[in-house]
PDB file of N, CA and C in Angstrom:
ATOM      1  N   UNK A   1      85.676  84.979 126.368  1.00  0.00           N
ATOM      2  CA  UNK A   1      85.768  86.073 127.105  1.00  0.00           C
ATOM      3  C   UNK A   1      85.193  87.349 127.106  1.00  0.00           C
ATOM      4  N   UNK A   2      85.142  88.240 127.980  1.00  0.00           N
ATOM      5  CA  UNK A   2      84.364  89.420 127.761  1.00  0.00           C
ATOM      6  C   UNK A   2      85.595  90.487 128.350  1.00  0.00           C
ATOM      7  N   UNK A   3      85.494  91.427 127.237  1.00  0.00           N
ATOM      8  CA  UNK A   3      87.021  92.015 127.050  1.00  0.00           C
ATOM      9  C   UNK A   3      86.650  93.521 127.600  1.00  0.00           C
ATOM     10  N   UNK A   4      85.274  93.764 127.527  1.00  0.00           N
ATOM     11  CA  UNK A   4      85.206  95.221 127.848  1.00  0.00           C
ATOM     12  C   UNK A   4      85.368  96.069 126.584  1.00  0.00           C
ATOM     13  N   UNK A   5      85.755  97.435 127.083  1.00  0.00           N
ATOM     14  CA  UNK A   5      86.176  98.133 125.689  1.00  0.00           C
ATOM     15  C   UNK A   5      87.605  98.128 125.147  1.00  0.00           C
ATOM     16  N   UNK A   6      88.317  97.014 125.522  1.00  0.00           N
ATOM     17  CA  UNK A   6      89.333  96.435 124.750  1.00  0.00           C
ATOM     18  C   UNK A   6      89.192  96.037 123.468  1.00  0.00           C
ATOM     19  N   UNK A   7      87.918  95.801 123.023  1.00  0.00           N
ATOM     20  CA  UNK A   7      87.565  95.402 121.691  1.00  0.00           C
ATOM     21  C   UNK A   7      86.417  96.138 121.347  1.00  0.00           C
ATOM     22  N   UNK A   8      86.377  96.751 120.429  1.00  0.00           N
ATOM     23  CA  UNK A   8      85.214  97.439 119.449  1.00  0.00           C
ATOM     24  C   UNK A   8      84.912  96.562 118.282  1.00  0.00           C
ATOM     25  N   UNK A   9      84.201  95.654 118.297  1.00  0.00           N
ATOM     26  CA  UNK A   9      84.042  95.012 117.069  1.00  0.00           C
ATOM     27  C   UNK A   9      83.257  95.303 115.708  1.00  0.00           C
ATOM     28  N   UNK A  10      83.854  95.791 115.010  1.00  0.00           N
ATOM     29  CA  UNK A  10      83.433  96.604 113.752  1.00  0.00           C
ATOM     30  C   UNK A  10      82.435  97.650 114.125  1.00  0.00           C
ATOM     31  N   UNK A  11      82.948  98.454 115.111  1.00  0.00           N
ATOM     32  CA  UNK A  11      82.342  99.821 115.046  1.00  0.00           C
ATOM     33  C   UNK A  11      83.338 100.926 115.332  1.00  0.00           C
ATOM     34  N   UNK A  12      83.385 101.929 115.409  1.00  0.00           N
ATOM     35  CA  UNK A  12      84.304 102.861 115.564  1.00  0.00           C
ATOM     36  C   UNK A  12      84.738 103.279 117.258  1.00  0.00           C
ATOM     37  N   UNK A  13      86.027 102.922 117.027  1.00  0.00           N
ATOM     38  CA  UNK A  13      86.977 102.898 118.258  1.00  0.00           C
ATOM     39  C   UNK A  13      87.005 104.117 119.099  1.00  0.00           C
ATOM     40  N   UNK A  14      86.928 103.916 119.952  1.00  0.00           N
ATOM     41  CA  UNK A  14      86.751 105.263 121.124  1.00  0.00           C
ATOM     42  C   UNK A  14      87.917 105.333 121.687  1.00  0.00           C
ATOM     43  N   UNK A  15      88.978 106.378 121.557  1.00  0.00           N
ATOM     44  CA  UNK A  15      90.139 106.730 122.253  1.00  0.00           C
ATOM     45  C   UNK A  15      90.333 108.039 122.960  1.00  0.00           C
ATOM     46  N   UNK A  16      89.049 108.561 123.143  1.00  0.00           N
ATOM     47  CA  UNK A  16      89.418 109.775 123.670  1.00  0.00           C
ATOM     48  C   UNK A  16      89.636 109.894 125.004  1.00  0.00           C
ATOM     49  N   UNK A  17      89.922 108.831 125.821  1.00  0.00           N
ATOM     50  CA  UNK A  17      90.808 108.809 127.241  1.00  0.00           C
ATOM     51  C   UNK A  17      91.691 107.603 127.326  1.00  0.00           C
ATOM     52  N   UNK A  18      92.005 106.968 126.249  1.00  0.00           N
ATOM     53  CA  UNK A  18      92.240 105.741 126.432  1.00  0.00           C
ATOM     54  C   UNK A  18      94.116 106.135 126.621  1.00  0.00           C
ATOM     55  N   UNK A  19      95.080 105.462 127.288  1.00  0.00           N
ATOM     56  CA  UNK A  19      96.247 105.092 127.024  1.00  0.00           C
ATOM     57  C   UNK A  19      96.466 103.844 126.033  1.00  0.00           C
ATOM     58  N   UNK A  20      96.712 104.630 124.650  1.00  0.00           N
ATOM     59  CA  UNK A  20      97.010 103.479 123.971  1.00  0.00           C
ATOM     60  C   UNK A  20      98.093 102.550 123.917  1.00  0.00           C
ATOM     61  N   UNK A  21      99.153 102.717 124.599  1.00  0.00           N
ATOM     62  CA  UNK A  21      99.784 101.688 124.642  1.00  0.00           C
ATOM     63  C   UNK A  21      99.394 100.802 125.838  1.00  0.00           C
ATOM     64  N   UNK A  22      99.073 101.036 126.718  1.00  0.00           N
ATOM     65  CA  UNK A  22      98.063 100.004 127.566  1.00  0.00           C
ATOM     66  C   UNK A  22      97.241  99.097 126.557  1.00  0.00           C
ATOM     67  N   UNK A  23      96.403  99.990 125.848  1.00  0.00           N
ATOM     68  CA  UNK A  23      95.388  99.214 125.053  1.00  0.00           C
ATOM     69  C   UNK A  23      96.038  98.052 124.206  1.00  0.00           C
ATOM     70  N   UNK A  24      97.400  98.386 123.442  1.00  0.00           N
ATOM     71  CA  UNK A  24      97.811  97.786 122.946  1.00  0.00           C
ATOM     72  C   UNK A  24      98.466  96.257 123.621  1.00  0.00           C
ATOM     73  N   UNK A  25      98.830  96.586 124.862  1.00  0.00           N
ATOM     74  CA  UNK A  25      99.687  95.500 125.790  1.00  0.00           C
ATOM     75  C   UNK A  25      98.363  94.588 125.946  1.00  0.00           C
ATOM     76  N   UNK A  26      97.067  95.182 126.161  1.00  0.00           N
ATOM     77  CA  UNK A  26      96.108  94.437 126.771  1.00  0.00           C
ATOM     78  C   UNK A  26      95.103  93.429 125.710  1.00  0.00           C
ATOM     79  N   UNK A  27      95.462  93.787 124.205  1.00  0.00           N
ATOM     80  CA  UNK A  27      95.113  93.260 123.038  1.00  0.00           C
ATOM     81  C   UNK A  27      96.140  91.888 123.288  1.00  0.00           C
ATOM     82  N   UNK A  28      97.292  92.308 123.133  1.00  0.00           N
ATOM     83  CA  UNK A  28      98.145  91.270 123.506  1.00  0.00           C
ATOM     84  C   UNK A  28      98.300  90.099 124.303  1.00  0.00           C
ATOM     85  N   UNK A  29      97.723  90.806 125.500  1.00  0.00           N
ATOM     86  CA  UNK A  29      97.451  89.760 126.767  1.00  0.00           C
ATOM     87  C   UNK A  29      95.985  88.900 126.182  1.00  0.00           C
ATOM     88  N   UNK A  30      95.066  89.537 126.127  1.00  0.00           N
ATOM     89  CA  UNK A  30      94.319  88.590 125.219  1.00  0.00           C
ATOM     90  C   UNK A  30      94.268  87.563 124.188  1.00  0.00           C
ATOM     91  N   UNK A  31      95.118  88.269 123.543  1.00  0.00           N
ATOM     92  CA  UNK A  31      95.497  87.163 122.286  1.00  0.00           C
ATOM     93  C   UNK A  31      96.332  85.961 123.042  1.00  0.00           C
ATOM     94  N   UNK A  32      96.690  86.382 123.854  1.00  0.00           N
ATOM     95  CA  UNK A  32      97.695  85.094 124.466  1.00  0.00           C
ATOM     96  C   UNK A  32      96.884  84.122 125.404  1.00  0.00           C
ATOM     97  N   UNK A  33      95.774  84.160 125.485  1.00  0.00           N
ATOM     98  CA  UNK A  33      94.787  83.505 126.108  1.00  0.00           C
ATOM     99  C   UNK A  33      94.185  82.358 125.492  1.00  0.00           C
ATOM    100  N   UNK A  34      94.017  81.467 125.923  1.00  0.00           N
ATOM    101  CA  UNK A  34      93.073  80.149 125.426  1.00  0.00           C
ATOM    102  C   UNK A  34      91.575  80.412 125.308  1.00  0.00           C
ATOM    103  N   UNK A  35      91.251  81.357 124.393  1.00  0.00           N
ATOM    104  CA  UNK A  35      89.758  81.496 124.063  1.00  0.00           C
ATOM    105  C   UNK A  35      89.012  81.495 122.704  1.00  0.00           C
ATOM    106  N   UNK A  36      87.992  80.883 122.460  1.00  0.00           N
ATOM    107  CA  UNK A  36      87.719  80.943 121.335  1.00  0.00           C
ATOM    108  C   UNK A  36      87.027  82.327 120.771  1.00  0.00           C
ATOM    109  N   UNK A  37      85.896  82.783 121.959  1.00  0.00           N
ATOM    110  CA  UNK A  37      84.993  83.515 121.428  1.00  0.00           C
ATOM    111  C   UNK A  37      85.490  84.675 122.256  1.00  0.00           C
ATOM    112  N   UNK A  38      85.079  86.048 121.565  1.00  0.00           N
ATOM    113  CA  UNK A  38      85.662  87.434 122.639  1.00  0.00           C
ATOM    114  C   UNK A  38      83.910  88.193 122.246  1.00  0.00           C
ATOM    115  N   UNK A  39      83.631  88.685 123.786  1.00  0.00           N
ATOM    116  CA  UNK A  39      82.518  89.320 123.738  1.00  0.00           C
ATOM    117  C   UNK A  39      82.903  90.797 123.961  1.00  0.00           C
ATOM    118  N   UNK A  40      82.950  91.746 122.913  1.00  0.00           N
ATOM    119  CA  UNK A  40      83.780  92.459 122.906  1.00  0.00           C
ATOM    120  C   UNK A  40      82.651  94.037 123.915  1.00  0.00           C
ATOM    121  N   UNK A  41      83.405  94.942 124.277  1.00  0.00           N
ATOM    122  CA  UNK A  41      82.560  96.448 125.019  1.00  0.00           C
ATOM    123  C   UNK A  41      81.355  96.812 124.074  1.00  0.00           C
ATOM    124  N   UNK A  42      81.820  96.380 122.586  1.00  0.00           N
ATOM    125  CA  UNK A  42      81.207  97.049 121.662  1.00  0.00           C
ATOM    126  C   UNK A  42      81.016  96.426 120.390  1.00  0.00           C
ATOM    127  N   UNK A  43      79.980  95.981 119.874  1.00  0.00           N
ATOM    128  CA  UNK A  43      79.841  95.154 118.654  1.00  0.00           C
ATOM    129  C   UNK A  43      79.359  93.996 118.781  1.00  0.00           C
ATOM    130  N   UNK A  44      79.231  92.631 118.044  1.00  0.00           N
ATOM    131  CA  UNK A  44      78.987  91.361 117.859  1.00  0.00           C
ATOM    132  C   UNK A  44      79.971  90.769 118.500  1.00  0.00           C
ATOM    133  N   UNK A  45      79.819  89.369 118.984  1.00  0.00           N
ATOM    134  CA  UNK A  45      81.208  88.581 119.702  1.00  0.00           C
ATOM    135  C   UNK A  45      81.888  88.075 118.275  1.00  0.00           C
ATOM    136  N   UNK A  46      82.967  88.323 118.416  1.00  0.00           N
ATOM    137  CA  UNK A  46      84.040  87.865 117.190  1.00  0.00           C
ATOM    138  C   UNK A  46      85.079  86.834 118.142  1.00  0.00           C
ATOM    139  N   UNK A  47      86.041  86.646 116.934  1.00  0.00           N
ATOM    140  CA  UNK A  47      87.186  85.726 117.502  1.00  0.00           C
ATOM    141  C   UNK A  47      88.371  86.359 117.361  1.00  0.00           C
ATOM    142  N   UNK A  48      89.586  85.847 118.328  1.00  0.00           N
ATOM    143  CA  UNK A  48      90.854  86.355 118.297  1.00  0.00           C
ATOM    144  C   UNK A  48      91.238  86.820 117.000  1.00  0.00           C
ATOM    145  N   UNK A  49      90.875  86.482 116.108  1.00  0.00           N
ATOM    146  CA  UNK A  49      91.632  86.834 114.764  1.00  0.00           C
ATOM    147  C   UNK A  49      91.311  88.516 114.341  1.00  0.00           C
ATOM    148  N   UNK A  50      90.043  89.072 115.077  1.00  0.00           N
ATOM    149  CA  UNK A  50      90.114  90.382 114.883  1.00  0.00           C
ATOM    150  C   UNK A  50      90.940  91.171 115.914  1.00  0.00           C
ATOM    151  N   UNK A  51      91.218  90.905 116.909  1.00  0.00           N
ATOM    152  CA  UNK A  51      92.470  91.745 117.723  1.00  0.00           C
ATOM    153  C   UNK A  51      93.555  92.406 116.871  1.00  0.00           C
ATOM    154  N   UNK A  52      94.135  91.600 115.964  1.00  0.00           N
ATOM    155  CA  UNK A  52      95.028  92.456 115.204  1.00  0.00           C
ATOM    156  C   UNK A  52      94.372  93.667 114.616  1.00  0.00           C
ATOM    157  N   UNK A  53      93.138  93.485 114.120  1.00  0.00           N
ATOM    158  CA  UNK A  53      92.753  94.796 113.097  1.00  0.00           C
ATOM    159  C   UNK A  53      92.358  95.625 114.390  1.00  0.00           C
ATOM    160  N   UNK A  54      91.967  95.172 115.399  1.00  0.00           N
ATOM    161  CA  UNK A  54      91.678  96.517 116.452  1.00  0.00           C
ATOM    162  C   UNK A  54      93.250  97.170 117.173  1.00  0.00           C
ATOM    163  N   UNK A  55      93.901  96.358 117.195  1.00  0.00           N
ATOM    164  CA  UNK A  55      95.143  96.797 117.164  1.00  0.00           C
ATOM    165  C   UNK A  55      95.832  97.653 116.366  1.00  0.00           C
ATOM    166  N   UNK A  56      95.637  97.314 114.846  1.00  0.00           N
ATOM    167  CA  UNK A  56      95.683  98.517 114.040  1.00  0.00           C
ATOM    168  C   UNK A  56      95.161  99.351 113.711  1.00  0.00           C
ATOM    169  N   UNK A  57      93.776  99.648 114.241  1.00  0.00           N
ATOM    170  CA  UNK A  57      93.208 100.823 114.175  1.00  0.00           C
ATOM    171  C   UNK A  57      93.718 101.757 115.275  1.00  0.00           C
ATOM    172  N   UNK A  58      94.084 101.367 116.491  1.00  0.00           N
ATOM    173  CA  UNK A  58      94.838 102.266 117.555  1.00  0.00           C
ATOM    174  C   UNK A  58      96.013 102.294 117.022  1.00  0.00           C
ATOM    175  N   UNK A  59      96.982 101.773 116.351  1.00  0.00           N
ATOM    176  CA  UNK A  59      98.457 101.892 115.845  1.00  0.00           C
ATOM    177  C   UNK A  59      97.919 103.115 114.797  1.00  0.00           C
ATOM    178  N   UNK A  60      97.164 103.280 114.075  1.00  0.00           N
ATOM    179  CA  UNK A  60      96.522 104.282 112.995  1.00  0.00           C
ATOM    180  C   UNK A  60      96.828 105.320 113.503  1.00  0.00           C
ATOM    181  N   UNK A  61      95.858 105.414 114.616  1.00  0.00           N
ATOM    182  CA  UNK A  61      95.454 106.944 115.349  1.00  0.00           C
ATOM    183  C   UNK A  61      96.587 107.186 115.949  1.00  0.00           C
ATOM    184  N   UNK A  62      97.306 106.607 116.376  1.00  0.00           N
ATOM    185  CA  UNK A  62      98.779 107.054 116.845  1.00  0.00           C
ATOM    186  C   UNK A  62      99.928 107.847 116.046  1.00  0.00           C
ATOM    187  N   UNK A  63      99.827 106.612 114.912  1.00  0.00           N
ATOM    188  CA  UNK A  63     100.763 107.310 114.182  1.00  0.00           C
ATOM    189  C   UNK A  63     100.422 108.534 113.132  1.00  0.00           C
ATOM    190  N   UNK A  64      99.399 108.560 113.030  1.00  0.00           N
ATOM    191  CA  UNK A  64      98.684 109.727 112.529  1.00  0.00           C
ATOM    192  C   UNK A  64      98.841 111.190 113.405  1.00  0.00           C
ATOM    193  N   UNK A  65      98.727 110.907 114.629  1.00  0.00           N
ATOM    194  CA  UNK A  65      98.813 112.155 115.604  1.00  0.00           C
ATOM    195  C   UNK A  65     100.420 112.395 115.805  1.00  0.00           C
ATOM    196  N   UNK A  66     101.146 111.443 115.851  1.00  0.00           N
ATOM    197  CA  UNK A  66     102.233 111.185 116.049  1.00  0.00           C
ATOM    198  C   UNK A  66     103.263 112.065 115.230  1.00  0.00           C
ATOM    199  N   UNK A  67     102.793 111.991 113.665  1.00  0.00           N
ATOM    200  CA  UNK A  67     103.486 112.694 112.870  1.00  0.00           C
ATOM    201  C   UNK A  67     103.503 114.333 112.929  1.00  0.00           C
ATOM    202  N   UNK A  68     102.156 114.847 113.440  1.00  0.00           N
ATOM    203  CA  UNK A  68     102.038 115.783 113.810  1.00  0.00           C
ATOM    204  C   UNK A  68     102.779 116.588 115.147  1.00  0.00           C
ATOM    205  N   UNK A  69     102.721 116.018 116.019  1.00  0.00           N
ATOM    206  CA  UNK A  69     103.430 116.174 117.246  1.00  0.00           C
ATOM    207  C   UNK A  69     104.804 116.295 116.941  1.00  0.00           C
ATOM    208  N   UNK A  70     105.659 115.471 115.919  1.00  0.00           N
ATOM    209  CA  UNK A  70     106.926 115.551 115.885  1.00  0.00           C
ATOM    210  C   UNK A  70     107.504 117.091 114.566  1.00  0.00           C
ATOM    211  N   UNK A  71     106.327 117.079 114.468  1.00  0.00           N
ATOM    212  CA  UNK A  71     106.189 118.750 113.425  1.00  0.00           C
ATOM    213  C   UNK A  71     106.118 119.927 114.710  1.00  0.00           C
ATOM    214  N   UNK A  72     105.347 119.646 115.808  1.00  0.00           N
ATOM    215  CA  UNK A  72     105.248 120.562 116.590  1.00  0.00           C
ATOM    216  C   UNK A  72     103.813 121.447 116.516  1.00  0.00           C
ATOM    217  N   UNK A  73     103.340 120.604 115.690  1.00  0.00           N
ATOM    218  CA  UNK A  73     101.579 120.812 115.321  1.00  0.00           C
ATOM    219  C   UNK A  73     100.844 120.592 116.237  1.00  0.00           C
ATOM    220  N   UNK A  74      99.950 121.555 116.868  1.00  0.00           N
ATOM    221  CA  UNK A  74      99.012 121.308 118.000  1.00  0.00           C
ATOM    222  C   UNK A  74      97.783 120.872 117.503  1.00  0.00           C
ATOM    223  N   UNK A  75      96.727 120.298 118.458  1.00  0.00           N
ATOM    224  CA  UNK A  75      95.506 119.439 117.918  1.00  0.00           C
ATOM    225  C   UNK A  75      94.386 120.558 117.068  1.00  0.00           C
ATOM    226  N   UNK A  76      94.445 122.008 117.517  1.00  0.00           N
ATOM    227  CA  UNK A  76      93.862 122.783 116.602  1.00  0.00           C
ATOM    228  C   UNK A  76      94.103 122.995 115.325  1.00  0.00           C
ATOM    229  N   UNK A  77      95.286 122.696 114.702  1.00  0.00           N
ATOM    230  CA  UNK A  77      95.782 122.928 113.422  1.00  0.00           C
ATOM    231  C   UNK A  77      95.223 121.421 112.796  1.00  0.00           C
ATOM    232  N   UNK A  78      95.578 120.286 113.727  1.00  0.00           N
ATOM    233  CA  UNK A  78      95.472 118.966 113.184  1.00  0.00           C
ATOM    234  C   UNK A  78      93.780 118.819 112.622  1.00  0.00           C
ATOM    235  N   UNK A  79      93.010 119.311 113.617  1.00  0.00           N
ATOM    236  CA  UNK A  79      91.653 119.516 113.566  1.00  0.00           C
ATOM    237  C   UNK A  79      90.887 120.315 112.024  1.00  0.00           C
ATOM    238  N   UNK A  80      91.795 121.190 111.577  1.00  0.00           N
ATOM    239  CA  UNK A  80      91.519 122.324 110.812  1.00  0.00           C
ATOM    240  C   UNK A  80      91.077 121.605 109.549  1.00  0.00           C
ATOM    241  N   UNK A  81      91.804 120.357 109.312  1.00  0.00           N
ATOM    242  CA  UNK A  81      91.540 119.575 108.021  1.00  0.00           C
ATOM    243  C   UNK A  81      90.676 118.433 108.037  1.00  0.00           C
ATOM    244  N   UNK A  82      90.533 117.646 107.088  1.00  0.00           N
ATOM    245  CA  UNK A  82      89.595 116.353 107.200  1.00  0.00           C
ATOM    246  C   UNK A  82      91.161 115.420 108.229  1.00  0.00           C
ATOM    247  N   UNK A  83      90.498 114.963 108.625  1.00  0.00           N
ATOM    248  CA  UNK A  83      91.150 113.698 109.538  1.00  0.00           C
ATOM    249  C   UNK A  83      91.199 112.508 108.696  1.00  0.00           C
ATOM    250  N   UNK A  84      92.171 112.019 107.833  1.00  0.00           N
ATOM    251  CA  UNK A  84      91.878 110.557 106.988  1.00  0.00           C
ATOM    252  C   UNK A  84      91.819 109.458 107.519  1.00  0.00           C
ATOM    253  N   UNK A  85      92.690 109.491 108.995  1.00  0.00           N
ATOM    254  CA  UNK A  85      92.671 108.070 109.929  1.00  0.00           C
ATOM    255  C   UNK A  85      91.312 107.797 110.282  1.00  0.00           C
ATOM    256  N   UNK A  86      90.128 108.519 110.022  1.00  0.00           N
ATOM    257  CA  UNK A  86      88.840 108.094 110.621  1.00  0.00           C
ATOM    258  C   UNK A  86      88.643 106.906 109.511  1.00  0.00           C
ATOM    259  N   UNK A  87      89.058 106.969 108.072  1.00  0.00           N
ATOM    260  CA  UNK A  87      88.902 105.852 107.232  1.00  0.00           C
ATOM    261  C   UNK A  87      89.674 104.643 107.241  1.00  0.00           C
ATOM    262  N   UNK A  88      90.659 104.916 108.206  1.00  0.00           N
ATOM    263  CA  UNK A  88      91.378 103.577 108.516  1.00  0.00           C
ATOM    264  C   UNK A  88      90.726 102.922 110.080  1.00  0.00           C
ATOM    265  N   UNK A  89      89.723 103.701 110.607  1.00  0.00           N
ATOM    266  CA  UNK A  89      88.877 103.285 111.420  1.00  0.00           C
ATOM    267  C   UNK A  89      87.374 103.263 110.878  1.00  0.00           C
ATOM    268  N   UNK A  90      87.448 102.204 109.870  1.00  0.00           N
ATOM    269  CA  UNK A  90      86.617 102.241 108.810  1.00  0.00           C
ATOM    270  C   UNK A  90      84.895 101.776 109.465  1.00  0.00           C
ATOM    271  N   UNK A  91      84.695 102.018 110.566  1.00  0.00           N
ATOM    272  CA  UNK A  91      83.535 101.307 110.927  1.00  0.00           C
ATOM    273  C   UNK A  91      82.572 102.351 111.547  1.00  0.00           C
ATOM    274  N   UNK A  92      81.330 102.182 111.499  1.00  0.00           N
ATOM    275  CA  UNK A  92      80.611 103.535 111.786  1.00  0.00           C
ATOM    276  C   UNK A  92      80.596 103.579 113.594  1.00  0.00           C
ATOM    277  N   UNK A  93      79.982 104.841 114.016  1.00  0.00           N
ATOM    278  CA  UNK A  93      80.214 105.173 115.527  1.00  0.00           C
ATOM    279  C   UNK A  93      79.182 104.203 116.131  1.00  0.00           C
ATOM    280  N   UNK A  94      78.120 103.736 115.800  1.00  0.00           N
ATOM    281  CA  UNK A  94      77.448 103.219 116.183  1.00  0.00           C
ATOM    282  C   UNK A  94      76.683 103.825 117.287  1.00  0.00           C
ATOM    283  N   UNK A  95      75.280 102.925 117.789  1.00  0.00           N
ATOM    284  CA  UNK A  95      74.582 103.100 119.104  1.00  0.00           C
ATOM    285  C   UNK A  95      73.906 104.541 118.658  1.00  0.00           C
ATOM    286  N   UNK A  96      73.493 105.058 117.612  1.00  0.00           N
ATOM    287  CA  UNK A  96      72.765 106.035 116.820  1.00  0.00           C
ATOM    288  C   UNK A  96      73.929 107.495 117.522  1.00  0.00           C
ATOM    289  N   UNK A  97      74.963 107.113 117.588  1.00  0.00           N
ATOM    290  CA  UNK A  97      75.667 108.579 118.210  1.00  0.00           C
ATOM    291  C   UNK A  97      76.159 108.988 116.624  1.00  0.00           C
ATOM    292  N   UNK A  98      76.292 108.970 115.543  1.00  0.00           N
ATOM    293  CA  UNK A  98      76.534 109.630 114.345  1.00  0.00           C
ATOM    294  C   UNK A  98      76.695 111.370 114.750  1.00  0.00           C
ATOM    295  N   UNK A  99      76.066 111.799 115.434  1.00  0.00           N
ATOM    296  CA  UNK A  99      75.735 113.163 115.654  1.00  0.00           C
ATOM    297  C   UNK A  99      77.232 113.554 116.170  1.00  0.00           C
ATOM    298  N   UNK A 100      77.862 112.592 117.069  1.00  0.00           N
ATOM    299  CA  UNK A 100      78.991 112.882 117.871  1.00  0.00           C
ATOM    300  C   UNK A 100      80.242 112.515 116.959  1.00  0.00           C
ATOM    301  N   UNK A 101      80.158 112.019 115.908  1.00  0.00           N
ATOM    302  CA  UNK A 101      81.524 111.503 115.334  1.00  0.00           C
ATOM    303  C   UNK A 101      82.466 112.586 115.149  1.00  0.00           C
ATOM    304  N   UNK A 102      82.425 113.743 114.647  1.00  0.00           N
ATOM    305  CA  UNK A 102      83.405 114.742 114.360  1.00  0.00           C
ATOM    306  C   UNK A 102      83.737 115.426 115.623  1.00  0.00           C
ATOM    307  N   UNK A 103      83.064 115.489 117.052  1.00  0.00           N
ATOM    308  CA  UNK A 103      83.397 115.368 118.350  1.00  0.00           C
ATOM    309  C   UNK A 103      84.328 114.880 118.753  1.00  0.00           C
ATOM    310  N   UNK A 104      83.653 113.487 118.598  1.00  0.00           N
ATOM    311  CA  UNK A 104      84.721 112.194 118.745  1.00  0.00           C
ATOM    312  C   UNK A 104      86.376 112.334 118.265  1.00  0.00           C
ATOM    313  N   UNK A 105      86.135 112.659 116.773  1.00  0.00           N
ATOM    314  CA  UNK A 105      87.640 112.813 116.442  1.00  0.00           C
ATOM    315  C   UNK A 105      88.293 113.623 117.072  1.00  0.00           C
ATOM    316  N   UNK A 106      87.674 115.116 117.324  1.00  0.00           N
ATOM    317  CA  UNK A 106      88.315 115.864 118.156  1.00  0.00           C
ATOM    318  C   UNK A 106      89.053 115.687 119.479  1.00  0.00           C
ATOM    319  N   UNK A 107      88.059 114.510 120.062  1.00  0.00           N
ATOM    320  CA  UNK A 107      88.539 114.374 121.721  1.00  0.00           C
ATOM    321  C   UNK A 107      89.650 113.129 121.533  1.00  0.00           C
ATOM    322  N   UNK A 108      89.708 112.319 120.559  1.00  0.00           N
ATOM    323  CA  UNK A 108      90.634 111.278 120.275  1.00  0.00           C
ATOM    324  C   UNK A 108      92.081 112.267 119.791  1.00  0.00           C
ATOM    325  N   UNK A 109      92.100 112.970 118.958  1.00  0.00           N
ATOM    326  CA  UNK A 109      93.103 113.820 118.718  1.00  0.00           C
ATOM    327  C   UNK A 109      93.853 114.803 119.758  1.00  0.00           C
ATOM    328  N   UNK A 110      93.228 115.393 120.568  1.00  0.00           N
ATOM    329  CA  UNK A 110      93.115 115.789 121.580  1.00  0.00           C
ATOM    330  C   UNK A 110      94.087 115.027 122.963  1.00  0.00           C
ATOM    331  N   UNK A 111      93.307 113.965 122.912  1.00  0.00           N
ATOM    332  CA  UNK A 111      94.106 112.893 123.727  1.00  0.00           C
ATOM    333  C   UNK A 111      95.239 112.008 123.720  1.00  0.00           C
ATOM    334  N   UNK A 112      95.344 111.651 122.246  1.00  0.00           N
ATOM    335  CA  UNK A 112      96.472 111.390 121.650  1.00  0.00           C
ATOM    336  C   UNK A 112      97.201 112.136 121.194  1.00  0.00           C
ATOM    337  N   UNK A 113      97.431 113.476 121.269  1.00  0.00           N
ATOM    338  CA  UNK A 113      98.592 114.718 121.262  1.00  0.00           C
ATOM    339  C   UNK A 113      98.958 114.720 122.543  1.00  0.00           C
ATOM    340  N   UNK A 114      98.001 114.936 123.527  1.00  0.00           N
ATOM    341  CA  UNK A 114      98.948 115.127 125.059  1.00  0.00           C
ATOM    342  C   UNK A 114      99.532 113.925 125.462  1.00  0.00           C
ATOM    343  N   UNK A 115      99.210 112.804 124.966  1.00  0.00           N
ATOM    344  CA  UNK A 115      99.816 111.666 125.616  1.00  0.00           C
ATOM    345  C   UNK A 115     101.222 111.582 124.922  1.00  0.00           C
ATOM    346  N   UNK A 116     101.217 111.708 123.621  1.00  0.00           N
ATOM    347  CA  UNK A 116     102.250 111.605 122.679  1.00  0.00           C
ATOM    348  C   UNK A 116     103.281 112.462 123.257  1.00  0.00           C
ATOM    349  N   UNK A 117     103.097 113.861 123.163  1.00  0.00           N
ATOM    350  CA  UNK A 117     103.743 114.815 123.792  1.00  0.00           C
ATOM    351  C   UNK A 117     104.481 114.637 125.375  1.00  0.00           C
ATOM    352  N   UNK A 118     103.359 114.064 125.857  1.00  0.00           N
ATOM    353  CA  UNK A 118     104.062 113.928 127.451  1.00  0.00           C
ATOM    354  C   UNK A 118     105.266 112.615 127.437  1.00  0.00           C
ATOM    355  N   UNK A 119     104.922 111.777 126.297  1.00  0.00           N
ATOM    356  CA  UNK A 119     105.567 110.797 126.235  1.00  0.00           C
ATOM    357  C   UNK A 119     107.129 111.230 125.531  1.00  0.00           C
ATOM    358  N   UNK A 120     107.013 111.900 124.808  1.00  0.00           N
ATOM    359  CA  UNK A 120     108.325 112.582 124.069  1.00  0.00           C
ATOM    360  C   UNK A 120     109.147 113.538 125.224  1.00  0.00           C
ATOM    361  N   UNK A 121     108.472 114.154 125.849  1.00  0.00           N
ATOM    362  CA  UNK A 121     108.924 114.938 126.944  1.00  0.00           C
ATOM    363  C   UNK A 121     109.658 114.207 127.866  1.00  0.00           C
ATOM    364  N   UNK A 122     109.008 113.428 128.107  1.00  0.00           N
ATOM    365  CA  UNK A 122     109.515 112.292 129.394  1.00  0.00           C
ATOM    366  C   UNK A 122     110.769 111.452 129.269  1.00  0.00           C
ATOM    367  N   UNK A 123     110.592 110.886 127.526  1.00  0.00           N
ATOM    368  CA  UNK A 123     111.948 110.563 127.091  1.00  0.00           C
ATOM    369  C   UNK A 123     113.073 111.097 127.224  1.00  0.00           C
ATOM    370  N   UNK A 124     112.730 112.438 126.545  1.00  0.00           N
ATOM    371  CA  UNK A 124     113.748 113.788 126.256  1.00  0.00           C
ATOM    372  C   UNK A 124     114.549 114.075 127.738  1.00  0.00           C
ATOM    373  N   UNK A 125     113.672 114.203 128.870  1.00  0.00           N
ATOM    374  CA  UNK A 125     113.942 114.482 130.249  1.00  0.00           C
ATOM    375  C   UNK A 125     114.911 113.240 130.902  1.00  0.00           C
ATOM    376  N   UNK A 126     114.575 112.115 130.183  1.00  0.00           N
ATOM    377  CA  UNK A 126     115.974 111.234 130.864  1.00  0.00           C
ATOM    378  C   UNK A 126     117.072 110.821 130.064  1.00  0.00           C
ATOM    379  N   UNK A 127     117.335 111.839 129.403  1.00  0.00           N
ATOM    380  CA  UNK A 127     118.364 111.715 128.591  1.00  0.00           C
ATOM    381  C   UNK A 127     119.396 113.009 129.033  1.00  0.00           C
ATOM    382  N   UNK A 128     120.732 112.666 129.425  1.00  0.00           N
ATOM    383  CA  UNK A 128     121.489 113.821 129.883  1.00  0.00           C
ATOM    384  C   UNK A 128     122.066 113.402 131.101  1.00  0.00           C
TER     385      UNK A 128
END
């Protein structure tokens, strides 16, 4: 199965534009299919066992940023310190894009911060 950018097999995941909850749902849908070989959008072919690792990387990023959103801390403050979640996304950025690694981290933090804030505000608007 060709998964496109739903799977980044053993290379840094790019979450700078994604909806992480849609991504996780897509991974669940792929896992439910009767396929043996996955051709990812990035990296070498892999099996379905890797899908759990890909999901964990997305979940780690969301959890990291969410802890700051819950404390009212913005992306600029988050990025003033090293971002340890990059070690939970342990693979290299790949494709000779190493010079963009720090920039990618900033884009990911900004995207997830915005989406988490919108999601929390939307949930709060539904109460009452």
